[in-house]
Amino acid sequence: MIEVNKENFTIEVLESEMPVLVDIWGPSCQPCLALLPQVESLSETYREKVKIVKLNSAQNRRLCIDLKVIGLPAFLLYKNGIEVSRLSSKDIAIQDIENVLAEQV
């Protein structure tokens, strides 16, 4: 998975040609750390169809504020540079990814 920050967020997320799931996490967020293996599994499962990136909230506070992220963990799903879904659970993320992929067919 790619780590995104203020320098590469536009290129990796907003200008991506495929849908992007942004996993916003924090090093002291226990639920975030607990979800890490599942997010990595999602990355493998959808690697050809969805780009999954990680954003460390502790190192990118300004970007998180700009994205209006108020709690962790948070998952933001982008399609064509536009946020199409905001999630707080990996299970919901899977359903939203499937919905976005179904729209592409």
PDB file of N, CA and C in Angstrom:
ATOM      1  N   MET A   1       0.841  -1.190   0.000  1.00  0.00           N
ATOM      2  CA  MET A   1       0.000   0.000   0.000  1.00  0.00           C
ATOM      3  C   MET A   1       0.878   1.242   0.000  1.00  0.00           C
ATOM      4  N   ILE A   2       0.398   2.249  -0.636  1.00  0.00           N
ATOM      5  CA  ILE A   2       1.112   3.519  -0.737  1.00  0.00           C
ATOM      6  C   ILE A   2       0.750   4.389   0.458  1.00  0.00           C
ATOM      7  N   GLU A   3       1.759   5.022   1.047  1.00  0.00           N
ATOM      8  CA  GLU A   3       1.526   6.025   2.087  1.00  0.00           C
ATOM      9  C   GLU A   3       1.308   7.362   1.389  1.00  0.00           C
ATOM     10  N   VAL A   4       0.197   8.024   1.684  1.00  0.00           N
ATOM     11  CA  VAL A   4      -0.040   9.340   1.095  1.00  0.00           C
ATOM     12  C   VAL A   4       0.140  10.412   2.157  1.00  0.00           C
ATOM     13  N   ASN A   5       0.435  11.613   1.671  1.00  0.00           N
ATOM     14  CA  ASN A   5       0.622  12.770   2.526  1.00  0.00           C
ATOM     15  C   ASN A   5       0.237  14.007   1.714  1.00  0.00           C
ATOM     16  N   LYS A   6       0.490  15.190   2.263  1.00  0.00           N
ATOM     17  CA  LYS A   6       0.080  16.402   1.546  1.00  0.00           C
ATOM     18  C   LYS A   6       0.804  16.559   0.210  1.00  0.00           C
ATOM     19  N   GLU A   7       2.005  16.010   0.084  1.00  0.00           N
ATOM     20  CA  GLU A   7       2.766  16.156  -1.149  1.00  0.00           C
ATOM     21  C   GLU A   7       2.232  15.285  -2.285  1.00  0.00           C
ATOM     22  N   ASN A   8       1.750  14.081  -1.974  1.00  0.00           N
ATOM     23  CA  ASN A   8       1.340  13.180  -3.058  1.00  0.00           C
ATOM     24  C   ASN A   8      -0.156  12.849  -3.073  1.00  0.00           C
ATOM     25  N   PHE A   9      -0.945  13.445  -2.197  1.00  0.00           N
ATOM     26  CA  PHE A   9      -2.372  13.136  -2.120  1.00  0.00           C
ATOM     27  C   PHE A   9      -3.084  13.436  -3.441  1.00  0.00           C
ATOM     28  N   THR A  10      -2.798  14.565  -4.033  1.00  0.00           N
ATOM     29  CA  THR A  10      -3.462  14.931  -5.289  1.00  0.00           C
ATOM     30  C   THR A  10      -3.159  13.918  -6.380  1.00  0.00           C
ATOM     31  N   ILE A  11      -1.890  13.579  -6.542  1.00  0.00           N
ATOM     32  CA  ILE A  11      -1.504  12.645  -7.607  1.00  0.00           C
ATOM     33  C   ILE A  11      -2.047  11.244  -7.340  1.00  0.00           C
ATOM     34  N   GLU A  12      -1.854  10.740  -6.128  1.00  0.00           N
ATOM     35  CA  GLU A  12      -2.214   9.355  -5.819  1.00  0.00           C
ATOM     36  C   GLU A  12      -3.717   9.135  -5.646  1.00  0.00           C
ATOM     37  N   VAL A  13      -4.437  10.156  -5.189  1.00  0.00           N
ATOM     38  CA  VAL A  13      -5.863   9.980  -4.893  1.00  0.00           C
ATOM     39  C   VAL A  13      -6.745  10.730  -5.889  1.00  0.00           C
ATOM     40  N   LEU A  14      -6.586  12.040  -5.941  1.00  0.00           N
ATOM     41  CA  LEU A  14      -7.500  12.854  -6.741  1.00  0.00           C
ATOM     42  C   LEU A  14      -7.323  12.671  -8.245  1.00  0.00           C
ATOM     43  N   GLU A  15      -6.105  12.360  -8.682  1.00  0.00           N
ATOM     44  CA  GLU A  15      -5.848  12.195 -10.115  1.00  0.00           C
ATOM     45  C   GLU A  15      -5.773  10.724 -10.534  1.00  0.00           C
ATOM     46  N   SER A  16      -6.087   9.826  -9.653  1.00  0.00           N
ATOM     47  CA  SER A  16      -6.024   8.400  -9.970  1.00  0.00           C
ATOM     48  C   SER A  16      -7.104   8.025 -10.980  1.00  0.00           C
ATOM     49  N   GLU A  17      -6.741   7.144 -11.901  1.00  0.00           N
ATOM     50  CA  GLU A  17      -7.702   6.685 -12.899  1.00  0.00           C
ATOM     51  C   GLU A  17      -8.595   5.570 -12.366  1.00  0.00           C
ATOM     52  N   MET A  18      -8.210   4.952 -11.261  1.00  0.00           N
ATOM     53  CA  MET A  18      -9.047   3.918 -10.661  1.00  0.00           C
ATOM     54  C   MET A  18      -9.584   4.440  -9.330  1.00  0.00           C
ATOM     55  N   PRO A  19     -10.655   3.840  -8.817  1.00  0.00           N
ATOM     56  CA  PRO A  19     -11.152   4.245  -7.502  1.00  0.00           C
ATOM     57  C   PRO A  19     -10.049   4.093  -6.451  1.00  0.00           C
ATOM     58  N   VAL A  20     -10.112   4.939  -5.407  1.00  0.00           N
ATOM     59  CA  VAL A  20      -9.097   4.923  -4.352  1.00  0.00           C
ATOM     60  C   VAL A  20      -9.790   4.879  -2.994  1.00  0.00           C
ATOM     61  N   LEU A  21      -9.359   3.949  -2.156  1.00  0.00           N
ATOM     62  CA  LEU A  21      -9.806   3.895  -0.774  1.00  0.00           C
ATOM     63  C   LEU A  21      -8.671   4.419   0.093  1.00  0.00           C
ATOM     64  N   VAL A  22      -8.930   5.494   0.818  1.00  0.00           N
ATOM     65  CA  VAL A  22      -7.930   6.091   1.692  1.00  0.00           C
ATOM     66  C   VAL A  22      -8.206   5.615   3.118  1.00  0.00           C
ATOM     67  N   ASP A  23      -7.253   4.891   3.684  1.00  0.00           N
ATOM     68  CA  ASP A  23      -7.327   4.417   5.061  1.00  0.00           C
ATOM     69  C   ASP A  23      -6.634   5.456   5.928  1.00  0.00           C
ATOM     70  N   ILE A  24      -7.422   6.203   6.695  1.00  0.00           N
ATOM     71  CA  ILE A  24      -6.848   7.222   7.588  1.00  0.00           C
ATOM     72  C   ILE A  24      -6.739   6.594   8.967  1.00  0.00           C
ATOM     73  N   TRP A  25      -5.507   6.553   9.456  1.00  0.00           N
ATOM     74  CA  TRP A  25      -5.212   5.855  10.696  1.00  0.00           C
ATOM     75  C   TRP A  25      -4.282   6.692  11.559  1.00  0.00           C
ATOM     76  N   GLY A  26      -4.099   6.253  12.785  1.00  0.00           N
ATOM     77  CA  GLY A  26      -3.171   6.910  13.696  1.00  0.00           C
ATOM     78  C   GLY A  26      -2.385   5.875  14.471  1.00  0.00           C
ATOM     79  N   PRO A  27      -1.134   6.166  14.786  1.00  0.00           N
ATOM     80  CA  PRO A  27      -0.288   5.194  15.485  1.00  0.00           C
ATOM     81  C   PRO A  27      -0.759   4.863  16.899  1.00  0.00           C
ATOM     82  N   SER A  28      -1.569   5.727  17.498  1.00  0.00           N
ATOM     83  CA  SER A  28      -2.073   5.434  18.847  1.00  0.00           C
ATOM     84  C   SER A  28      -3.541   4.995  18.821  1.00  0.00           C
ATOM     85  N   CYS A  29      -4.084   4.764  17.628  1.00  0.00           N
ATOM     86  CA  CYS A  29      -5.474   4.328  17.468  1.00  0.00           C
ATOM     87  C   CYS A  29      -5.515   2.801  17.432  1.00  0.00           C
ATOM     88  N   GLN A  30      -5.929   2.200  18.538  1.00  0.00           N
ATOM     89  CA  GLN A  30      -5.957   0.737  18.617  1.00  0.00           C
ATOM     90  C   GLN A  30      -6.898   0.101  17.584  1.00  0.00           C
ATOM     91  N   PRO A  31      -8.108   0.641  17.360  1.00  0.00           N
ATOM     92  CA  PRO A  31      -8.953   0.058  16.305  1.00  0.00           C
ATOM     93  C   PRO A  31      -8.289   0.141  14.920  1.00  0.00           C
ATOM     94  N   CYS A  32      -7.552   1.215  14.669  1.00  0.00           N
ATOM     95  CA  CYS A  32      -6.844   1.352  13.385  1.00  0.00           C
ATOM     96  C   CYS A  32      -5.809   0.254  13.229  1.00  0.00           C
ATOM     97  N   LEU A  33      -5.041   0.033  14.270  1.00  0.00           N
ATOM     98  CA  LEU A  33      -3.993  -0.991  14.230  1.00  0.00           C
ATOM     99  C   LEU A  33      -4.602  -2.388  14.125  1.00  0.00           C
ATOM    100  N   ALA A  34      -5.738  -2.597  14.772  1.00  0.00           N
ATOM    101  CA  ALA A  34      -6.400  -3.897  14.708  1.00  0.00           C
ATOM    102  C   ALA A  34      -6.925  -4.184  13.298  1.00  0.00           C
ATOM    103  N   LEU A  35      -7.311  -3.131  12.576  1.00  0.00           N
ATOM    104  CA  LEU A  35      -7.835  -3.306  11.215  1.00  0.00           C
ATOM    105  C   LEU A  35      -6.740  -3.460  10.167  1.00  0.00           C
ATOM    106  N   LEU A  36      -5.502  -3.166  10.508  1.00  0.00           N
ATOM    107  CA  LEU A  36      -4.415  -3.183   9.532  1.00  0.00           C
ATOM    108  C   LEU A  36      -4.336  -4.484   8.718  1.00  0.00           C
ATOM    109  N   PRO A  37      -4.378  -5.663   9.331  1.00  0.00           N
ATOM    110  CA  PRO A  37      -4.312  -6.888   8.516  1.00  0.00           C
ATOM    111  C   PRO A  37      -5.480  -7.005   7.539  1.00  0.00           C
ATOM    112  N   GLN A  38      -6.657  -6.564   7.941  1.00  0.00           N
ATOM    113  CA  GLN A  38      -7.823  -6.626   7.063  1.00  0.00           C
ATOM    114  C   GLN A  38      -7.702  -5.637   5.909  1.00  0.00           C
ATOM    115  N   VAL A  39      -7.153  -4.469   6.177  1.00  0.00           N
ATOM    116  CA  VAL A  39      -6.956  -3.479   5.116  1.00  0.00           C
ATOM    117  C   VAL A  39      -5.916  -3.993   4.125  1.00  0.00           C
ATOM    118  N   GLU A  40      -4.869  -4.621   4.632  1.00  0.00           N
ATOM    119  CA  GLU A  40      -3.863  -5.205   3.741  1.00  0.00           C
ATOM    120  C   GLU A  40      -4.485  -6.307   2.878  1.00  0.00           C
ATOM    121  N   SER A  41      -5.392  -7.087   3.450  1.00  0.00           N
ATOM    122  CA  SER A  41      -6.089  -8.118   2.700  1.00  0.00           C
ATOM    123  C   SER A  41      -6.971  -7.498   1.606  1.00  0.00           C
ATOM    124  N   LEU A  42      -7.649  -6.410   1.937  1.00  0.00           N
ATOM    125  CA  LEU A  42      -8.438  -5.689   0.928  1.00  0.00           C
ATOM    126  C   LEU A  42      -7.552  -5.230  -0.219  1.00  0.00           C
ATOM    127  N   SER A  43      -6.376  -4.739   0.124  1.00  0.00           N
ATOM    128  CA  SER A  43      -5.435  -4.262  -0.884  1.00  0.00           C
ATOM    129  C   SER A  43      -5.063  -5.371  -1.856  1.00  0.00           C
ATOM    130  N   GLU A  44      -4.866  -6.565  -1.342  1.00  0.00           N
ATOM    131  CA  GLU A  44      -4.540  -7.708  -2.198  1.00  0.00           C
ATOM    132  C   GLU A  44      -5.749  -8.132  -3.034  1.00  0.00           C
ATOM    133  N   THR A  45      -6.902  -8.194  -2.405  1.00  0.00           N
ATOM    134  CA  THR A  45      -8.118  -8.639  -3.084  1.00  0.00           C
ATOM    135  C   THR A  45      -8.484  -7.736  -4.259  1.00  0.00           C
ATOM    136  N   TYR A  46      -8.370  -6.410  -4.069  1.00  0.00           N
ATOM    137  CA  TYR A  46      -8.821  -5.445  -5.071  1.00  0.00           C
ATOM    138  C   TYR A  46      -7.676  -4.773  -5.829  1.00  0.00           C
ATOM    139  N   ARG A  47      -6.476  -5.304  -5.742  1.00  0.00           N
ATOM    140  CA  ARG A  47      -5.294  -4.621  -6.275  1.00  0.00           C
ATOM    141  C   ARG A  47      -5.411  -4.218  -7.738  1.00  0.00           C
ATOM    142  N   GLU A  48      -6.120  -4.972  -8.559  1.00  0.00           N
ATOM    143  CA  GLU A  48      -6.255  -4.652  -9.981  1.00  0.00           C
ATOM    144  C   GLU A  48      -7.365  -3.634 -10.256  1.00  0.00           C
ATOM    145  N   LYS A  49      -8.246  -3.411  -9.252  1.00  0.00           N
ATOM    146  CA  LYS A  49      -9.434  -2.599  -9.491  1.00  0.00           C
ATOM    147  C   LYS A  49      -9.521  -1.342  -8.642  1.00  0.00           C
ATOM    148  N   VAL A  50      -8.932  -1.377  -7.452  1.00  0.00           N
ATOM    149  CA  VAL A  50      -9.024  -0.254  -6.510  1.00  0.00           C
ATOM    150  C   VAL A  50      -7.653  -0.025  -5.887  1.00  0.00           C
ATOM    151  N   LYS A  51      -7.228   1.229  -5.873  1.00  0.00           N
ATOM    152  CA  LYS A  51      -5.978   1.573  -5.199  1.00  0.00           C
ATOM    153  C   LYS A  51      -6.313   1.840  -3.731  1.00  0.00           C
ATOM    154  N   ILE A  52      -5.614   1.179  -2.831  1.00  0.00           N
ATOM    155  CA  ILE A  52      -5.820   1.400  -1.401  1.00  0.00           C
ATOM    156  C   ILE A  52      -4.556   2.035  -0.849  1.00  0.00           C
ATOM    157  N   VAL A  53      -4.738   3.214  -0.231  1.00  0.00           N
ATOM    158  CA  VAL A  53      -3.611   3.969   0.297  1.00  0.00           C
ATOM    159  C   VAL A  53      -3.836   4.249   1.777  1.00  0.00           C
ATOM    160  N   LYS A  54      -2.739   4.545   2.473  1.00  0.00           N
ATOM    161  CA  LYS A  54      -2.796   4.834   3.903  1.00  0.00           C
ATOM    162  C   LYS A  54      -2.377   6.286   4.152  1.00  0.00           C
ATOM    163  N   LEU A  55      -3.065   6.923   5.102  1.00  0.00           N
ATOM    164  CA  LEU A  55      -2.746   8.290   5.499  1.00  0.00           C
ATOM    165  C   LEU A  55      -2.580   8.319   7.007  1.00  0.00           C
ATOM    166  N   ASN A  56      -1.368   8.603   7.476  1.00  0.00           N
ATOM    167  CA  ASN A  56      -1.071   8.681   8.905  1.00  0.00           C
ATOM    168  C   ASN A  56      -1.563  10.034   9.415  1.00  0.00           C
ATOM    169  N   SER A  57      -2.609  10.004  10.235  1.00  0.00           N
ATOM    170  CA  SER A  57      -3.218  11.252  10.710  1.00  0.00           C
ATOM    171  C   SER A  57      -2.274  12.050  11.611  1.00  0.00           C
ATOM    172  N   ALA A  58      -1.411  11.370  12.359  1.00  0.00           N
ATOM    173  CA  ALA A  58      -0.495  12.066  13.263  1.00  0.00           C
ATOM    174  C   ALA A  58       0.538  12.887  12.494  1.00  0.00           C
ATOM    175  N   GLN A  59       0.906  12.430  11.313  1.00  0.00           N
ATOM    176  CA  GLN A  59       1.902  13.136  10.505  1.00  0.00           C
ATOM    177  C   GLN A  59       1.270  14.092   9.496  1.00  0.00           C
ATOM    178  N   ASN A  60      -0.045  14.046   9.365  1.00  0.00           N
ATOM    179  CA  ASN A  60      -0.730  14.844   8.343  1.00  0.00           C
ATOM    180  C   ASN A  60      -1.982  15.510   8.905  1.00  0.00           C
ATOM    181  N   ARG A  61      -1.806  16.191  10.033  1.00  0.00           N
ATOM    182  CA  ARG A  61      -2.954  16.810  10.715  1.00  0.00           C
ATOM    183  C   ARG A  61      -3.682  17.822   9.842  1.00  0.00           C
ATOM    184  N   ARG A  62      -2.959  18.668   9.140  1.00  0.00           N
ATOM    185  CA  ARG A  62      -3.582  19.691   8.299  1.00  0.00           C
ATOM    186  C   ARG A  62      -4.412  19.042   7.199  1.00  0.00           C
ATOM    187  N   LEU A  63      -3.895  18.004   6.564  1.00  0.00           N
ATOM    188  CA  LEU A  63      -4.628  17.314   5.511  1.00  0.00           C
ATOM    189  C   LEU A  63      -5.896  16.677   6.081  1.00  0.00           C
ATOM    190  N   CYS A  64      -5.811  16.079   7.255  1.00  0.00           N
ATOM    191  CA  CYS A  64      -6.995  15.489   7.893  1.00  0.00           C
ATOM    192  C   CYS A  64      -8.046  16.558   8.199  1.00  0.00           C
ATOM    193  N   ILE A  65      -7.601  17.715   8.636  1.00  0.00           N
ATOM    194  CA  ILE A  65      -8.532  18.824   8.880  1.00  0.00           C
ATOM    195  C   ILE A  65      -9.189  19.247   7.573  1.00  0.00           C
ATOM    196  N   ASP A  66      -8.379  19.378   6.513  1.00  0.00           N
ATOM    197  CA  ASP A  66      -8.918  19.754   5.206  1.00  0.00           C
ATOM    198  C   ASP A  66      -9.928  18.725   4.698  1.00  0.00           C
ATOM    199  N   LEU A  67      -9.695  17.448   5.015  1.00  0.00           N
ATOM    200  CA  LEU A  67     -10.601  16.379   4.589  1.00  0.00           C
ATOM    201  C   LEU A  67     -11.799  16.230   5.535  1.00  0.00           C
ATOM    202  N   LYS A  68     -11.812  17.017   6.608  1.00  0.00           N
ATOM    203  CA  LYS A  68     -12.885  17.002   7.607  1.00  0.00           C
ATOM    204  C   LYS A  68     -13.024  15.637   8.291  1.00  0.00           C
ATOM    205  N   VAL A  69     -11.877  15.043   8.585  1.00  0.00           N
ATOM    206  CA  VAL A  69     -11.854  13.769   9.315  1.00  0.00           C
ATOM    207  C   VAL A  69     -11.873  14.104  10.798  1.00  0.00           C
ATOM    208  N   ILE A  70     -12.894  13.617  11.507  1.00  0.00           N
ATOM    209  CA  ILE A  70     -13.016  13.950  12.924  1.00  0.00           C
ATOM    210  C   ILE A  70     -12.855  12.742  13.849  1.00  0.00           C
ATOM    211  N   GLY A  71     -12.757  11.557  13.285  1.00  0.00           N
ATOM    212  CA  GLY A  71     -12.579  10.364  14.105  1.00  0.00           C
ATOM    213  C   GLY A  71     -11.831   9.288  13.344  1.00  0.00           C
ATOM    214  N   LEU A  72     -11.201   8.404  14.098  1.00  0.00           N
ATOM    215  CA  LEU A  72     -10.445   7.306  13.501  1.00  0.00           C
ATOM    216  C   LEU A  72     -10.985   5.985  14.018  1.00  0.00           C
ATOM    217  N   PRO A  73     -10.883   4.942  13.225  1.00  0.00           N
ATOM    218  CA  PRO A  73     -10.390   4.912  11.854  1.00  0.00           C
ATOM    219  C   PRO A  73     -11.411   5.527  10.906  1.00  0.00           C
ATOM    220  N   ALA A  74     -10.933   5.975   9.769  1.00  0.00           N
ATOM    221  CA  ALA A  74     -11.812   6.530   8.742  1.00  0.00           C
ATOM    222  C   ALA A  74     -11.358   6.017   7.384  1.00  0.00           C
ATOM    223  N   PHE A  75     -12.310   5.724   6.549  1.00  0.00           N
ATOM    224  CA  PHE A  75     -12.032   5.284   5.186  1.00  0.00           C
ATOM    225  C   PHE A  75     -12.777   6.220   4.245  1.00  0.00           C
ATOM    226  N   LEU A  76     -12.048   6.836   3.320  1.00  0.00           N
ATOM    227  CA  LEU A  76     -12.656   7.708   2.331  1.00  0.00           C
ATOM    228  C   LEU A  76     -12.498   7.046   0.977  1.00  0.00           C
ATOM    229  N   LEU A  77     -13.602   6.895   0.264  1.00  0.00           N
ATOM    230  CA  LEU A  77     -13.578   6.255  -1.044  1.00  0.00           C
ATOM    231  C   LEU A  77     -13.753   7.328  -2.112  1.00  0.00           C
ATOM    232  N   TYR A  78     -12.799   7.371  -3.043  1.00  0.00           N
ATOM    233  CA  TYR A  78     -12.799   8.367  -4.120  1.00  0.00           C
ATOM    234  C   TYR A  78     -12.976   7.689  -5.458  1.00  0.00           C
ATOM    235  N   LYS A  79     -13.704   8.355  -6.336  1.00  0.00           N
ATOM    236  CA  LYS A  79     -13.848   7.907  -7.719  1.00  0.00           C
ATOM    237  C   LYS A  79     -13.772   9.155  -8.593  1.00  0.00           C
ATOM    238  N   ASN A  80     -12.888   9.125  -9.570  1.00  0.00           N
ATOM    239  CA  ASN A  80     -12.681  10.275 -10.464  1.00  0.00           C
ATOM    240  C   ASN A  80     -12.366  11.553  -9.686  1.00  0.00           C
ATOM    241  N   GLY A  81     -11.603  11.417  -8.593  1.00  0.00           N
ATOM    242  CA  GLY A  81     -11.179  12.569  -7.820  1.00  0.00           C
ATOM    243  C   GLY A  81     -12.222  13.138  -6.882  1.00  0.00           C
ATOM    244  N   ILE A  82     -13.364  12.479  -6.770  1.00  0.00           N
ATOM    245  CA  ILE A  82     -14.454  12.968  -5.919  1.00  0.00           C
ATOM    246  C   ILE A  82     -14.726  11.941  -4.822  1.00  0.00           C
ATOM    247  N   GLU A  83     -14.869  12.427  -3.606  1.00  0.00           N
ATOM    248  CA  GLU A  83     -15.211  11.533  -2.502  1.00  0.00           C
ATOM    249  C   GLU A  83     -16.643  11.046  -2.699  1.00  0.00           C
ATOM    250  N   VAL A  84     -16.810   9.729  -2.776  1.00  0.00           N
ATOM    251  CA  VAL A  84     -18.138   9.163  -2.993  1.00  0.00           C
ATOM    252  C   VAL A  84     -18.686   8.460  -1.753  1.00  0.00           C
ATOM    253  N   SER A  85     -17.816   8.213  -0.776  1.00  0.00           N
ATOM    254  CA  SER A  85     -18.264   7.544   0.433  1.00  0.00           C
ATOM    255  C   SER A  85     -17.277   7.805   1.563  1.00  0.00           C
ATOM    256  N   ARG A  86     -17.811   7.869   2.763  1.00  0.00           N
ATOM    257  CA  ARG A  86     -17.010   8.056   3.975  1.00  0.00           C
ATOM    258  C   ARG A  86     -17.440   6.979   4.955  1.00  0.00           C
ATOM    259  N   LEU A  87     -16.480   6.199   5.430  1.00  0.00           N
ATOM    260  CA  LEU A  87     -16.796   5.011   6.201  1.00  0.00           C
ATOM    261  C   LEU A  87     -15.986   4.945   7.481  1.00  0.00           C
ATOM    262  N   SER A  88     -16.468   4.134   8.400  1.00  0.00           N
ATOM    263  CA  SER A  88     -15.695   3.918   9.619  1.00  0.00           C
ATOM    264  C   SER A  88     -15.513   2.433   9.903  1.00  0.00           C
ATOM    265  N   SER A  89     -15.855   1.593   8.926  1.00  0.00           N
ATOM    266  CA  SER A  89     -15.742   0.151   9.116  1.00  0.00           C
ATOM    267  C   SER A  89     -15.257  -0.513   7.844  1.00  0.00           C
ATOM    268  N   LYS A  90     -14.385  -1.495   7.980  1.00  0.00           N
ATOM    269  CA  LYS A  90     -13.870  -2.228   6.833  1.00  0.00           C
ATOM    270  C   LYS A  90     -14.989  -2.978   6.125  1.00  0.00           C
ATOM    271  N   ASP A  91     -15.956  -3.510   6.868  1.00  0.00           N
ATOM    272  CA  ASP A  91     -17.048  -4.254   6.243  1.00  0.00           C
ATOM    273  C   ASP A  91     -17.895  -3.356   5.344  1.00  0.00           C
ATOM    274  N   ILE A  92     -18.161  -2.146   5.797  1.00  0.00           N
ATOM    275  CA  ILE A  92     -18.898  -1.195   4.964  1.00  0.00           C
ATOM    276  C   ILE A  92     -18.044  -0.834   3.763  1.00  0.00           C
ATOM    277  N   ALA A  93     -16.752  -0.718   3.942  1.00  0.00           N
ATOM    278  CA  ALA A  93     -15.852  -0.368   2.839  1.00  0.00           C
ATOM    279  C   ALA A  93     -15.950  -1.396   1.722  1.00  0.00           C
ATOM    280  N   ILE A  94     -16.020  -2.662   2.054  1.00  0.00           N
ATOM    281  CA  ILE A  94     -16.121  -3.703   1.034  1.00  0.00           C
ATOM    282  C   ILE A  94     -17.384  -3.506   0.207  1.00  0.00           C
ATOM    283  N   GLN A  95     -18.513  -3.254   0.850  1.00  0.00           N
ATOM    284  CA  GLN A  95     -19.765  -3.056   0.116  1.00  0.00           C
ATOM    285  C   GLN A  95     -19.685  -1.821  -0.774  1.00  0.00           C
ATOM    286  N   ASP A  96     -19.123  -0.736  -0.275  1.00  0.00           N
ATOM    287  CA  ASP A  96     -19.012   0.482  -1.075  1.00  0.00           C
ATOM    288  C   ASP A  96     -18.058   0.289  -2.247  1.00  0.00           C
ATOM    289  N   ILE A  97     -16.975  -0.442  -2.052  1.00  0.00           N
ATOM    290  CA  ILE A  97     -16.049  -0.737  -3.151  1.00  0.00           C
ATOM    291  C   ILE A  97     -16.794  -1.522  -4.233  1.00  0.00           C
ATOM    292  N   GLU A  98     -17.550  -2.535  -3.825  1.00  0.00           N
ATOM    293  CA  GLU A  98     -18.296  -3.340  -4.789  1.00  0.00           C
ATOM    294  C   GLU A  98     -19.308  -2.473  -5.548  1.00  0.00           C
ATOM    295  N   ASN A  99     -19.963  -1.554  -4.845  1.00  0.00           N
ATOM    296  CA  ASN A  99     -20.924  -0.655  -5.504  1.00  0.00           C
ATOM    297  C   ASN A  99     -20.242   0.232  -6.543  1.00  0.00           C
ATOM    298  N   VAL A 100     -19.078   0.788  -6.207  1.00  0.00           N
ATOM    299  CA  VAL A 100     -18.345   1.643  -7.138  1.00  0.00           C
ATOM    300  C   VAL A 100     -17.886   0.831  -8.336  1.00  0.00           C
ATOM    301  N   LEU A 101     -17.396  -0.370  -8.108  1.00  0.00           N
ATOM    302  CA  LEU A 101     -16.949  -1.220  -9.218  1.00  0.00           C
ATOM    303  C   LEU A 101     -18.123  -1.612 -10.112  1.00  0.00           C
ATOM    304  N   ALA A 102     -19.289  -1.848  -9.542  1.00  0.00           N
ATOM    305  CA  ALA A 102     -20.455  -2.206 -10.336  1.00  0.00           C
ATOM    306  C   ALA A 102     -20.867  -1.061 -11.248  1.00  0.00           C
ATOM    307  N   GLU A 103     -20.653   0.172 -10.821  1.00  0.00           N
ATOM    308  CA  GLU A 103     -20.985   1.351 -11.635  1.00  0.00           C
ATOM    309  C   GLU A 103     -20.054   1.474 -12.844  1.00  0.00           C
ATOM    310  N   GLN A 104     -18.863   0.894 -12.778  1.00  0.00           N
ATOM    311  CA  GLN A 104     -17.888   1.027 -13.865  1.00  0.00           C
ATOM    312  C   GLN A 104     -18.201   0.106 -15.020  1.00  0.00           C
ATOM    313  N   VAL A 105     -18.979  -0.915 -14.809  1.00  0.00           N
ATOM    314  CA  VAL A 105     -19.260  -1.905 -15.861  1.00  0.00           C
ATOM    315  C   VAL A 105     -20.167  -1.336 -16.917  1.00  0.00           C
TER     316      VAL A 105
END
